[in-house]
Amino acid sequence: MKKTMTTIGIVAAILGSQVSFAKTLEDVLKEKGVITEEDYKAVTRSKSLDYKLGEGFVFTSPDEKFRTAIGSSFQIRYAFMDLDNANNTTANKAQDSSRFELRRIKLFFNGYAFTRDLAFKLVLNFANSQNPPTTTGLLEETWMNYRLLDEAQLRFGQDKVQFGRQFITSSTALQFVDLSVVTIAFVPGYDTGLMIHGKIAGGLVNYNVAGYGGLGQNTFRTTSDNAFAARLTVNPFGDVKYSESDVEYSRKPLVSLGADFFRDTVNGSETNNLNFFGSKGWYGIGNPLLSAARRISTGEAIDFNTAGIDAVFKWLGCSAQGEYFIGQADGQTTKNTLRAQGFYTQAGYFVIPKKLEFAARYAYLDPNRDVADDHWIETTGAISWYINDHNLKLVADYTNIHKQKGISFNNGPNATDDRQVRFQAQMVF
C-alpha cells in the first residue's frame, strides 16, 4: 500500500503542476474505486497548490488550517438595439445602438482561515468602473461566514441581498445573456449586513434571515433606519443548486419552491444604490407616472415592502423557472402609495445533452398598478453552446421589448416595440 501511495503521490504531483481542464489522477482513481476515501485524502492533503476548474488556483497550508482559492470570470458581450421610431419626429430621431462591452470582469478570492468553519469571500468587479452606474464601485462582495452547524451559520459583510432566486444565482450560471427586466426592477441589489442562514435536513429546507444597511452596494447609512430580508426555500427531492439550465442532466426530478420578503425605509433625498429605486426599478419607473398630487415626494421618508415567490423544475436536460413579485412604497409625509407587480417565466431544453440548449422567456412588469398603459413586456429566445458547463459557454438571445405608451421612450402617444440582439462569451477559471 505504501508503494502504491507513493507512486500515486508522485504522478499526482507532476500532473498537479499543470493547469488543465481534465480531472486529476487521484480524482479518476477515486471515482473508479481504485483508491479509498482515506487514500484520496492522504494524497491530496500534501498539495499546497492545486487548480480546480471554476474555483481557480487553490493554496492550502500544510496544517490545512488556511485555504485560499483565486479565480476569475469574464463576460464579453456584443449588443445591438433596434429602436422603434413610433413616437419620434424628424428632429428627435431614435438612435439605434451597436456596442461591444466588457459586461463583467471579476476577480474572486474565497476559502477559510484558522478553521474550516470560518469561511470568507472577496469579489472585485472591474467592469463597474466603465459600466453605468459607476457609483457601485469596484468592491462587489466581501464577507466572513462562521458555521456553527449546517443548520445555523452567521455571515457578516457585503453580499447579495437574499431576495429573488434569479438574482441570487451567479451571473455566470444564468440561462440567458442577463437577468430578466422583472428581476432587475424588483431586487434590492448588494448591501452590507448580518445574516443568519442554514440548511436543514441536508438542504430539504433552506432559510436566510438578515438585517442590512438599506442603501445598497458600498453605500452606508447616516440615519438609524435599516433593512430586513428573509427567504425560505423547500426542496422536496433534494437540494437544488442556484444554477439555471439543467446542464448537469439531472437523473431524477428536482423541484424547489421559494418565498422572500424585503422591507426598507429610505429618505428620498439619500444617495442609494438600490436597484428598485433606479431608472429601471419599479419605483424609479412607477412614481413619475403619477400626477404631482399623488406622487411620493423626493424629500420624504418612504417605507418599502416587497415580496416574491419562485419555483424551479429540472430533469433530464429540461428546466423551467418562474418568479412573481409585488412591491409597495408608502410616503410617510404625503401618505401617498405606489404599488407594483411583475413576473417572468422561462424554460429550456438541451437538444444535445449538456452541450446545446434552446430557451425562451416571457417577462411582464407593471411598475404602477394604479396607472393604465404602463406595462413593460419582454419576449426572449436564446441558444447556448456549453463548451465546458457554465465555465466556458457562448450565449445568444433575441428580445422583443414592448413598452406601452405610458413608459415608451420620448413619452409619445404610441406603444413601442424595440428589438435587441445580444451575443456573449463567458469564461470562468
Protein backbone atom coordinates (compact mmCIF):
# COMPACT_ATOMS: atom_id res chain seq x y z
CA MET A 1 0.00 0.00 0.00
CA LYS A 2 2.83 2.43 0.87
CA LYS A 3 4.45 1.82 -2.52
CA THR A 4 1.12 2.37 -4.26
CA MET A 5 0.51 5.57 -2.33
CA THR A 6 3.99 6.86 -3.12
CA THR A 7 3.52 6.19 -6.85
CA ILE A 8 0.15 7.90 -6.87
CA GLY A 9 1.57 10.87 -4.98
CA ILE A 10 4.47 11.34 -7.42
CA VAL A 11 2.24 11.13 -10.51
CA ALA A 12 -0.35 13.43 -8.91
CA ALA A 13 2.31 15.98 -8.04
CA ILE A 14 3.54 16.02 -11.65
CA LEU A 15 0.03 16.40 -13.05
CA GLY A 16 -0.91 18.91 -10.35
CA SER A 17 1.80 21.28 -11.57
CA GLN A 18 -0.02 21.65 -14.91
CA VAL A 19 -3.21 23.64 -15.37
CA SER A 20 -5.73 21.51 -17.25
CA PHE A 21 -9.45 21.14 -17.68
CA ALA A 22 -9.07 17.40 -17.07
CA LYS A 23 -9.69 15.70 -13.76
CA THR A 24 -6.69 14.90 -11.61
CA LEU A 25 -5.35 11.36 -11.44
CA GLU A 26 -6.46 10.91 -7.85
CA ASP A 27 -9.99 12.05 -8.77
CA VAL A 28 -10.19 9.43 -11.51
CA LEU A 29 -8.79 6.68 -9.28
CA LYS A 30 -11.25 7.54 -6.54
CA GLU A 31 -14.23 7.53 -8.94
CA LYS A 32 -13.20 4.11 -10.29
CA GLY A 33 -12.81 2.71 -6.79
CA VAL A 34 -9.07 2.01 -7.16
CA ILE A 35 -8.29 4.01 -4.01
CA THR A 36 -10.36 4.58 -0.91
CA GLU A 37 -11.56 7.87 0.55
CA GLU A 38 -8.75 7.67 3.11
CA ASP A 39 -6.15 7.16 0.36
CA TYR A 40 -7.60 10.09 -1.58
CA LYS A 41 -7.35 12.40 1.41
CA ALA A 42 -3.82 11.25 2.13
CA VAL A 43 -2.68 12.12 -1.41
CA THR A 44 -4.48 15.45 -1.74
CA ARG A 45 -3.59 16.60 1.76
CA SER A 46 0.02 17.13 0.74
CA LYS A 47 -0.88 19.54 -2.08
CA SER A 48 -0.07 23.14 -1.15
CA LEU A 49 -1.02 24.36 -4.64
CA ASP A 50 -3.78 22.94 -6.79
CA TYR A 51 -6.12 24.07 -9.54
CA LYS A 52 -9.86 23.39 -9.66
CA LEU A 53 -11.95 24.47 -12.62
CA GLY A 54 -14.50 27.05 -11.57
CA GLU A 55 -12.62 27.82 -8.35
CA GLY A 56 -9.21 28.81 -9.67
CA PHE A 57 -5.79 28.28 -8.10
CA VAL A 58 -6.11 26.82 -4.61
CA PHE A 59 -3.49 27.43 -1.92
CA THR A 60 -3.62 25.28 1.23
CA SER A 61 -1.34 25.46 4.27
CA PRO A 62 0.43 22.23 5.35
CA ASP A 63 -1.70 22.02 8.50
CA GLU A 64 -4.86 22.62 6.40
CA LYS A 65 -5.99 25.45 8.68
CA PHE A 66 -5.84 28.01 5.87
CA ARG A 67 -7.11 27.77 2.30
CA THR A 68 -7.49 30.40 -0.43
CA ALA A 69 -8.78 29.99 -3.97
CA ILE A 70 -8.08 32.72 -6.53
CA GLY A 71 -10.11 32.73 -9.72
CA SER A 72 -11.70 34.96 -12.33
CA SER A 73 -14.67 35.23 -14.67
CA PHE A 74 -15.11 37.13 -17.93
CA GLN A 75 -18.33 38.08 -19.73
CA ILE A 76 -17.65 39.86 -23.02
CA ARG A 77 -20.72 40.98 -24.95
CA TYR A 78 -21.98 42.47 -28.18
CA ALA A 79 -25.45 44.07 -28.18
CA PHE A 80 -27.49 45.65 -30.97
CA MET A 81 -30.63 47.65 -30.15
CA ASP A 82 -33.09 48.48 -32.92
CA LEU A 83 -35.37 51.21 -31.52
CA ASP A 84 -38.96 51.67 -32.65
CA ASN A 85 -39.50 55.10 -34.24
CA ALA A 86 -43.23 55.20 -33.49
CA ASN A 87 -43.09 58.34 -31.33
CA ASN A 88 -40.23 60.22 -32.96
CA THR A 89 -40.24 63.31 -35.10
CA THR A 90 -37.58 64.14 -37.65
CA ALA A 91 -35.97 66.45 -35.09
CA ASN A 92 -35.88 63.75 -32.44
CA LYS A 93 -34.87 60.62 -34.27
CA ALA A 94 -34.43 57.44 -32.23
CA GLN A 95 -30.82 56.29 -32.17
CA ASP A 96 -30.14 52.60 -32.66
CA SER A 97 -27.05 51.32 -30.87
CA SER A 98 -24.37 48.77 -31.66
CA ARG A 99 -21.89 48.21 -28.86
CA PHE A 100 -19.19 45.89 -27.60
CA GLU A 101 -18.80 45.81 -23.84
CA LEU A 102 -16.94 44.16 -21.00
CA ARG A 103 -20.08 43.28 -19.08
CA ARG A 104 -18.49 41.62 -16.04
CA ILE A 105 -14.78 41.18 -15.37
CA LYS A 106 -14.35 39.67 -11.91
CA LEU A 107 -11.51 38.56 -9.69
CA PHE A 108 -12.56 36.48 -6.70
CA PHE A 109 -10.91 35.11 -3.58
CA ASN A 110 -12.56 32.58 -1.27
CA GLY A 111 -11.57 29.99 1.29
CA TYR A 112 -11.28 29.57 5.04
CA ALA A 113 -8.92 30.69 7.82
CA PHE A 114 -7.94 29.18 11.19
CA THR A 115 -10.75 26.62 10.86
CA ARG A 116 -12.85 25.21 8.02
CA ASP A 117 -15.87 26.72 9.77
CA LEU A 118 -14.66 30.31 9.23
CA ALA A 119 -15.06 30.99 5.51
CA PHE A 120 -14.52 34.20 3.55
CA LYS A 121 -15.13 35.66 0.10
CA LEU A 122 -13.93 38.72 -1.77
CA VAL A 123 -15.12 39.67 -5.28
CA LEU A 124 -13.86 42.64 -7.32
CA ASN A 125 -15.74 43.60 -10.49
CA PHE A 126 -13.51 45.72 -12.72
CA ALA A 127 -16.34 46.30 -15.23
CA ASN A 128 -18.08 48.51 -12.65
CA SER A 129 -15.53 51.21 -13.43
CA GLN A 130 -16.87 51.57 -17.00
CA ASN A 131 -20.48 50.37 -16.95
CA PRO A 132 -23.16 52.71 -15.57
CA PRO A 133 -23.98 53.23 -12.83
CA THR A 134 -20.35 53.74 -11.79
CA THR A 135 -21.23 54.64 -8.21
CA THR A 136 -21.46 50.95 -7.24
CA GLY A 137 -17.66 50.80 -7.13
CA LEU A 138 -15.08 48.08 -7.60
CA LEU A 139 -15.90 46.11 -4.44
CA GLU A 140 -18.83 43.74 -5.05
CA GLU A 141 -18.74 41.12 -2.30
CA THR A 142 -16.72 40.80 0.88
CA TRP A 143 -17.87 38.73 3.84
CA MET A 144 -16.95 36.27 6.58
CA ASN A 145 -19.13 33.25 7.33
CA TYR A 146 -18.95 31.22 10.53
CA ARG A 147 -20.55 27.79 10.60
CA LEU A 148 -21.86 26.64 13.95
CA LEU A 149 -23.79 23.83 12.28
CA ASP A 150 -25.05 23.32 8.74
CA GLU A 151 -28.37 24.46 10.16
CA ALA A 152 -27.01 27.61 11.83
CA GLN A 153 -24.44 29.92 10.21
CA LEU A 154 -23.58 33.60 10.58
CA ARG A 155 -22.44 35.82 7.70
CA PHE A 156 -21.23 39.39 8.12
CA GLY A 157 -20.22 41.76 5.32
CA GLN A 158 -21.37 42.84 1.85
CA ASP A 159 -23.26 40.26 -0.17
CA LYS A 160 -26.24 39.89 -2.47
CA VAL A 161 -29.42 40.62 -0.55
CA GLN A 162 -31.11 37.21 -0.46
CA PHE A 163 -34.17 38.26 -2.43
CA GLY A 164 -35.12 36.85 -5.83
CA ARG A 165 -33.85 33.46 -6.95
CA GLN A 166 -32.53 34.66 -10.30
CA PHE A 167 -30.61 37.50 -8.68
CA ILE A 168 -29.10 35.21 -6.03
CA THR A 169 -27.90 32.90 -8.82
CA SER A 170 -24.40 33.77 -10.03
CA SER A 171 -24.35 35.82 -13.23
CA THR A 172 -22.14 33.06 -14.69
CA ALA A 173 -24.87 30.44 -14.12
CA LEU A 174 -27.74 32.16 -15.96
CA GLN A 175 -29.70 30.63 -18.83
CA PHE A 176 -29.86 33.85 -20.86
CA VAL A 177 -27.35 36.60 -21.54
CA ASP A 178 -28.56 38.52 -18.49
CA LEU A 179 -31.28 38.89 -15.84
CA SER A 180 -34.91 39.46 -16.77
CA VAL A 181 -36.25 43.02 -16.69
CA VAL A 182 -38.52 42.00 -13.79
CA THR A 183 -35.63 40.78 -11.64
CA ILE A 184 -33.70 43.99 -12.29
CA ALA A 185 -36.77 46.04 -11.36
CA PHE A 186 -37.53 44.39 -8.00
CA VAL A 187 -34.33 43.16 -6.34
CA PRO A 188 -32.53 45.47 -3.88
CA GLY A 189 -29.03 44.51 -5.10
CA TYR A 190 -25.92 44.19 -2.92
CA ASP A 191 -25.79 45.51 0.64
CA THR A 192 -23.81 45.21 3.87
CA GLY A 193 -25.30 43.47 6.88
CA LEU A 194 -25.55 40.43 9.14
CA MET A 195 -27.30 37.24 8.06
CA ILE A 196 -28.32 34.03 9.84
CA HIS A 197 -28.80 31.13 7.44
CA GLY A 198 -28.68 27.38 7.21
CA LYS A 199 -29.62 24.11 5.53
CA ILE A 200 -31.99 21.76 7.32
CA ALA A 201 -32.11 18.02 6.59
CA GLY A 202 -29.34 18.21 4.02
CA GLY A 203 -30.96 21.02 2.05
CA LEU A 204 -34.57 19.90 2.23
CA VAL A 205 -35.29 23.33 3.72
CA ASN A 206 -33.02 26.38 3.44
CA TYR A 207 -33.53 29.70 5.20
CA ASN A 208 -32.00 33.20 5.35
CA VAL A 209 -32.82 36.00 7.79
CA ALA A 210 -30.80 39.21 7.57
CA GLY A 211 -30.51 42.85 8.51
CA TYR A 212 -28.84 45.27 6.08
CA GLY A 213 -27.81 48.90 5.97
CA GLY A 214 -30.56 49.51 3.46
CA LEU A 215 -28.90 51.85 0.92
CA GLY A 216 -27.22 49.30 -1.33
CA GLN A 217 -23.74 48.48 -2.56
CA ASN A 218 -20.85 50.40 -0.96
CA THR A 219 -23.29 52.98 0.46
CA PHE A 220 -23.71 53.45 4.20
CA ARG A 221 -26.35 54.93 6.49
CA THR A 222 -26.29 58.30 8.19
CA THR A 223 -29.65 57.58 9.89
CA SER A 224 -30.91 54.84 12.22
CA ASP A 225 -33.06 53.17 9.54
CA ASN A 226 -32.12 49.71 8.31
CA ALA A 227 -33.49 46.98 6.04
CA PHE A 228 -34.76 43.47 6.77
CA ALA A 229 -34.81 40.48 4.43
CA ALA A 230 -35.96 36.87 4.77
CA ARG A 231 -36.02 33.93 2.37
CA LEU A 232 -37.23 30.33 2.69
CA THR A 233 -36.87 27.52 0.15
CA VAL A 234 -38.22 23.96 0.18
CA ASN A 235 -36.59 21.26 -1.96
CA PRO A 236 -38.73 18.09 -1.64
CA PHE A 237 -36.45 15.88 -3.77
CA GLY A 238 -33.10 17.18 -2.55
CA ASP A 239 -31.12 20.40 -2.55
CA VAL A 240 -31.31 22.36 -5.81
CA LYS A 241 -28.30 24.49 -6.73
CA TYR A 242 -28.69 28.14 -7.66
CA SER A 243 -27.85 27.46 -11.29
CA GLU A 244 -30.17 27.88 -14.28
CA SER A 245 -30.45 25.26 -17.06
CA ASP A 246 -30.15 21.55 -16.38
CA VAL A 247 -26.63 21.31 -17.73
CA GLU A 248 -25.96 18.58 -15.15
CA TYR A 249 -28.65 16.44 -16.88
CA SER A 250 -30.38 15.51 -13.62
CA ARG A 251 -31.28 11.83 -13.48
CA LYS A 252 -34.12 12.45 -11.03
CA PRO A 253 -36.68 15.28 -10.98
CA LEU A 254 -35.60 18.29 -8.92
CA VAL A 255 -38.06 20.84 -7.58
CA SER A 256 -37.51 23.97 -5.50
CA LEU A 257 -40.15 26.33 -4.10
CA GLY A 258 -39.15 29.65 -2.54
CA ALA A 259 -40.56 32.78 -0.95
CA ASP A 260 -38.86 36.01 0.12
CA PHE A 261 -39.63 39.34 1.78
CA PHE A 262 -37.77 42.67 1.97
CA ARG A 263 -38.56 45.78 3.99
CA ASP A 264 -36.66 49.08 3.95
CA THR A 265 -37.12 52.75 4.83
CA VAL A 266 -35.34 55.23 2.57
CA ASN A 267 -35.29 59.00 2.65
CA GLY A 268 -35.89 60.07 -0.95
CA SER A 269 -33.04 62.58 -0.77
CA GLU A 270 -30.50 59.96 0.45
CA THR A 271 -27.93 58.69 -2.01
CA ASN A 272 -28.54 54.98 -2.57
CA ASN A 273 -27.61 52.11 -4.89
CA LEU A 274 -30.88 50.20 -4.63
CA ASN A 275 -31.99 48.56 -7.87
CA PHE A 276 -35.72 49.21 -7.43
CA PHE A 277 -35.01 52.91 -6.84
CA GLY A 278 -33.09 53.34 -10.11
CA SER A 279 -34.12 54.18 -13.66
CA LYS A 280 -35.00 50.51 -14.37
CA GLY A 281 -36.55 49.86 -10.95
CA TRP A 282 -40.28 49.58 -10.31
CA TYR A 283 -40.23 52.64 -8.05
CA GLY A 284 -37.96 54.65 -10.36
CA ILE A 285 -40.32 53.98 -13.27
CA GLY A 286 -43.66 53.97 -11.46
CA ASN A 287 -43.55 57.05 -9.24
CA PRO A 288 -43.05 59.62 -12.05
CA LEU A 289 -46.15 58.23 -13.80
CA LEU A 290 -48.41 59.59 -11.06
CA SER A 291 -49.80 63.11 -11.08
CA ALA A 292 -47.91 65.62 -8.91
CA ALA A 293 -50.65 65.49 -6.27
CA ARG A 294 -50.44 61.69 -5.90
CA ARG A 295 -46.67 61.33 -6.29
CA ILE A 296 -44.38 60.43 -3.39
CA SER A 297 -42.12 63.46 -2.92
CA THR A 298 -38.34 63.32 -3.28
CA GLY A 299 -37.52 64.54 0.21
CA GLU A 300 -39.81 62.39 2.36
CA ALA A 301 -39.07 59.07 4.05
CA ILE A 302 -40.51 56.10 2.16
CA ASP A 303 -41.43 52.67 3.51
CA PHE A 304 -40.79 49.89 1.01
CA ASN A 305 -42.26 46.40 1.29
CA THR A 306 -41.58 43.83 -1.44
CA ALA A 307 -42.26 40.10 -1.61
CA GLY A 308 -41.78 37.31 -4.09
CA ILE A 309 -42.36 33.63 -4.74
CA ASP A 310 -40.47 31.33 -7.11
CA ALA A 311 -40.46 27.78 -8.44
CA VAL A 312 -37.86 25.66 -10.27
CA PHE A 313 -38.02 22.30 -12.04
CA LYS A 314 -35.15 20.30 -13.60
CA TRP A 315 -35.00 16.85 -15.14
CA LEU A 316 -33.04 15.17 -17.96
CA GLY A 317 -31.91 18.41 -19.62
CA CYS A 318 -35.29 20.11 -19.26
CA SER A 319 -35.66 23.11 -16.96
CA ALA A 320 -38.37 25.59 -16.04
CA GLN A 321 -38.30 28.54 -13.66
CA GLY A 322 -40.52 31.46 -12.71
CA GLU A 323 -40.90 34.24 -10.15
CA TYR A 324 -43.66 36.64 -9.16
CA PHE A 325 -43.02 39.92 -7.29
CA ILE A 326 -45.13 42.59 -5.65
CA GLY A 327 -43.93 45.91 -4.24
CA GLN A 328 -45.43 48.78 -2.30
CA ALA A 329 -43.98 52.19 -1.40
CA ASP A 330 -45.66 54.41 1.22
CA GLY A 331 -44.68 58.05 1.68
CA GLN A 332 -44.54 58.90 5.39
CA THR A 333 -45.38 62.60 4.82
CA THR A 334 -47.72 62.67 1.82
CA LYS A 335 -49.29 59.31 2.72
CA ASN A 336 -49.28 58.54 -1.00
CA THR A 337 -48.83 54.92 -2.09
CA LEU A 338 -47.28 53.25 -5.12
CA ARG A 339 -47.95 49.58 -5.91
CA ALA A 340 -46.20 47.42 -8.49
CA GLN A 341 -46.12 43.82 -9.68
CA GLY A 342 -44.26 41.67 -12.17
CA PHE A 343 -43.37 38.13 -13.12
CA TYR A 344 -41.25 36.14 -15.52
CA THR A 345 -41.30 32.53 -16.63
CA GLN A 346 -38.63 30.73 -18.62
CA ALA A 347 -37.88 27.22 -19.86
CA GLY A 348 -35.07 25.47 -21.66
CA TYR A 349 -34.18 22.11 -23.18
CA PHE A 350 -30.87 20.55 -24.24
CA VAL A 351 -31.30 19.24 -27.78
CA ILE A 352 -27.74 17.93 -27.42
CA PRO A 353 -27.36 16.83 -23.77
CA LYS A 354 -25.04 19.08 -21.75
CA LYS A 355 -23.99 20.98 -24.90
CA LEU A 356 -26.68 22.73 -26.97
CA GLU A 357 -29.71 24.34 -25.33
CA PHE A 358 -32.70 26.32 -26.61
CA ALA A 359 -34.60 28.52 -24.16
CA ALA A 360 -37.48 31.01 -24.07
CA ARG A 361 -38.58 33.62 -21.54
CA TYR A 362 -41.59 35.89 -21.02
CA ALA A 363 -41.36 38.82 -18.60
CA TYR A 364 -44.13 41.22 -17.53
CA LEU A 365 -43.63 44.37 -15.45
CA ASP A 366 -46.36 46.70 -14.18
CA PRO A 367 -44.44 49.46 -12.31
CA ASN A 368 -47.62 51.23 -11.18
CA ARG A 369 -50.84 49.28 -10.73
CA ASP A 370 -52.90 52.47 -10.43
CA VAL A 371 -51.91 53.77 -13.87
CA ALA A 372 -53.10 52.41 -17.20
CA ASP A 373 -50.97 51.68 -20.29
CA ASP A 374 -47.65 51.43 -18.42
CA HIS A 375 -46.72 47.76 -18.91
CA TRP A 376 -43.24 46.61 -19.95
CA ILE A 377 -43.24 43.18 -21.64
CA GLU A 378 -40.23 41.28 -22.94
CA THR A 379 -40.26 38.08 -25.00
CA THR A 380 -36.86 36.41 -25.42
CA GLY A 381 -35.47 33.40 -27.25
CA ALA A 382 -31.95 32.10 -26.62
CA ILE A 383 -29.49 29.49 -27.82
CA SER A 384 -26.46 28.42 -25.78
CA TRP A 385 -23.42 26.28 -26.51
CA TYR A 386 -21.90 24.85 -23.32
CA ILE A 387 -18.31 24.05 -24.17
CA ASN A 388 -17.50 23.22 -20.55
CA ASP A 389 -20.66 23.60 -18.45
CA HIS A 390 -21.11 27.20 -17.28
CA ASN A 391 -17.32 27.58 -17.12
CA LEU A 392 -16.96 28.12 -20.85
CA LYS A 393 -20.01 28.88 -22.95
CA LEU A 394 -21.43 31.02 -25.75
CA VAL A 395 -24.93 32.53 -25.47
CA ALA A 396 -27.04 34.45 -27.98
CA ASP A 397 -30.52 35.83 -27.43
CA TYR A 398 -33.14 37.91 -29.24
CA THR A 399 -35.68 40.03 -27.35
CA ASN A 400 -38.76 41.97 -28.37
CA ILE A 401 -39.20 44.80 -25.84
CA HIS A 402 -42.79 46.06 -25.79
CA LYS A 403 -43.48 49.23 -23.79
CA GLN A 404 -46.98 50.63 -23.57
CA LYS A 405 -47.39 54.33 -24.27
CA GLY A 406 -47.17 55.29 -20.59
CA ILE A 407 -43.47 54.37 -20.43
CA SER A 408 -42.45 54.29 -24.11
CA PHE A 409 -39.38 56.34 -24.96
CA ASN A 410 -39.98 60.04 -25.57
CA ASN A 411 -43.34 59.64 -23.75
CA GLY A 412 -45.13 59.64 -27.05
CA PRO A 413 -48.75 58.68 -27.75
CA ASN A 414 -47.89 55.23 -29.09
CA ALA A 415 -46.56 51.98 -27.66
CA THR A 416 -43.13 50.89 -28.87
CA ASP A 417 -41.55 47.58 -29.83
CA ASP A 418 -37.77 47.65 -29.67
CA ARG A 419 -35.67 44.69 -30.81
CA GLN A 420 -32.49 43.62 -29.06
CA VAL A 421 -29.86 41.09 -30.18
CA ARG A 422 -27.04 40.03 -27.85
CA PHE A 423 -24.05 37.68 -28.12
CA GLN A 424 -21.92 36.82 -25.10
CA ALA A 425 -18.80 34.76 -24.48
CA GLN A 426 -18.20 33.60 -20.91
CA MET A 427 -15.18 32.07 -19.24
CA VAL A 428 -14.73 31.08 -15.58
CA PHE A 429 -11.35 29.85 -14.41
